């Protein structure tokens, strides 16, 4: 699980995006990943921006930090997600 918090990923910030892609790996190889985006932009815009980090439908967008997985499960976000959706 990765959480992106309010970062717009401007095209001018190529080195930061490349570094994030390198760390996250090939999205097609990460079939159990979950991407969480906390931002005030609309969902379509966020999905377009963060497409290289989203595997199919494995993402959520939140307008508020307080509605996010990381806010509600700060120490065990991944375990909470798996417990809710897989168990």
Protein backbone atom coordinates (compact mmCIF):
# COMPACT_ATOMS: atom_id res chain seq x y z
CA UNK A 1 0.00 0.00 0.00
CA UNK A 2 1.20 3.46 -0.88
CA UNK A 3 -0.39 6.73 0.22
CA UNK A 4 0.12 9.87 -1.82
CA UNK A 5 -0.75 12.94 0.20
CA UNK A 6 -1.48 16.18 -1.67
CA UNK A 7 1.37 15.94 -4.15
CA UNK A 8 0.34 17.12 -7.62
CA UNK A 9 3.30 15.49 -9.40
CA UNK A 10 4.00 18.36 -11.80
CA UNK A 11 5.56 17.31 -15.10
CA UNK A 12 8.53 19.54 -14.28
CA UNK A 13 9.37 17.27 -11.34
CA UNK A 14 10.60 14.43 -13.54
CA UNK A 15 13.37 13.29 -11.19
CA UNK A 16 11.01 12.87 -8.23
CA UNK A 17 8.49 10.88 -10.27
CA UNK A 18 11.25 8.70 -11.73
CA UNK A 19 12.57 8.02 -8.24
CA UNK A 20 9.09 7.07 -7.02
CA UNK A 21 8.56 4.77 -10.03
CA UNK A 22 11.91 3.12 -9.38
CA UNK A 23 11.05 2.51 -5.73
CA UNK A 24 7.49 1.30 -6.39
CA UNK A 25 8.40 -0.97 -9.31
CA UNK A 26 6.43 -2.11 -12.32
CA UNK A 27 2.72 -1.63 -11.66
CA UNK A 28 1.80 -4.69 -13.76
CA UNK A 29 3.85 -6.87 -11.39
CA UNK A 30 2.14 -5.55 -8.23
CA UNK A 31 -1.25 -7.27 -8.40
CA UNK A 32 -1.98 -6.96 -4.67
CA UNK A 33 -1.03 -3.32 -4.33
CA UNK A 34 -3.37 -0.61 -3.12
CA UNK A 35 -2.82 3.06 -3.90
CA UNK A 36 -4.44 5.68 -1.70
CA UNK A 37 -4.49 9.30 -2.85
CA UNK A 38 -5.41 12.14 -0.50
CA UNK A 39 -6.03 15.31 -2.50
CA UNK A 40 -8.73 17.89 -3.19
CA UNK A 41 -8.66 17.34 -6.97
CA UNK A 42 -11.36 15.25 -8.64
CA UNK A 43 -10.91 11.50 -9.01
CA UNK A 44 -10.47 11.48 -12.79
CA UNK A 45 -7.66 14.03 -12.59
CA UNK A 46 -5.95 12.10 -9.79
CA UNK A 47 -6.20 8.79 -11.65
CA UNK A 48 -4.73 10.37 -14.75
CA UNK A 49 -1.81 11.83 -12.81
CA UNK A 50 -1.07 8.71 -10.78
CA UNK A 51 -1.81 6.05 -13.43
CA UNK A 52 1.78 4.67 -13.29
CA UNK A 53 1.16 3.74 -9.63
CA UNK A 54 -2.35 2.28 -9.91
CA UNK A 55 -2.94 -1.38 -10.73
CA UNK A 56 -6.35 -1.69 -12.41
CA UNK A 57 -9.00 -0.76 -9.82
CA UNK A 58 -6.77 -1.00 -6.74
CA UNK A 59 -6.97 2.59 -5.58
CA UNK A 60 -8.98 4.97 -3.41
CA UNK A 61 -9.16 8.73 -3.39
CA UNK A 62 -9.99 10.87 -0.37
CA UNK A 63 -10.61 14.60 -0.06
CA UNK A 64 -9.79 14.49 3.64
CA UNK A 65 -6.88 12.94 5.47
CA UNK A 66 -9.27 11.91 8.24
CA UNK A 67 -11.16 9.57 5.89
CA UNK A 68 -8.03 7.80 4.70
CA UNK A 69 -6.65 4.39 5.61
CA UNK A 70 -3.44 5.88 6.91
CA UNK A 71 -5.31 8.21 9.28
CA UNK A 72 -7.58 5.49 10.61
CA UNK A 73 -4.93 2.77 10.83
CA UNK A 74 -1.60 4.61 11.14
CA UNK A 75 0.50 1.66 12.24
CA UNK A 76 -1.17 -1.21 10.42
CA UNK A 77 -2.77 0.21 7.29
CA UNK A 78 -2.07 -2.81 5.08
CA UNK A 79 -3.27 -5.32 7.66
CA UNK A 80 -6.49 -3.36 8.20
CA UNK A 81 -7.18 -3.28 4.46
CA UNK A 82 -6.58 -7.01 4.02
CA UNK A 83 -8.74 -7.81 7.06
CA UNK A 84 -11.65 -5.73 5.77
CA UNK A 85 -11.61 -6.79 2.12
CA UNK A 86 -10.05 -10.27 2.05
CA UNK A 87 -11.01 -11.96 5.32
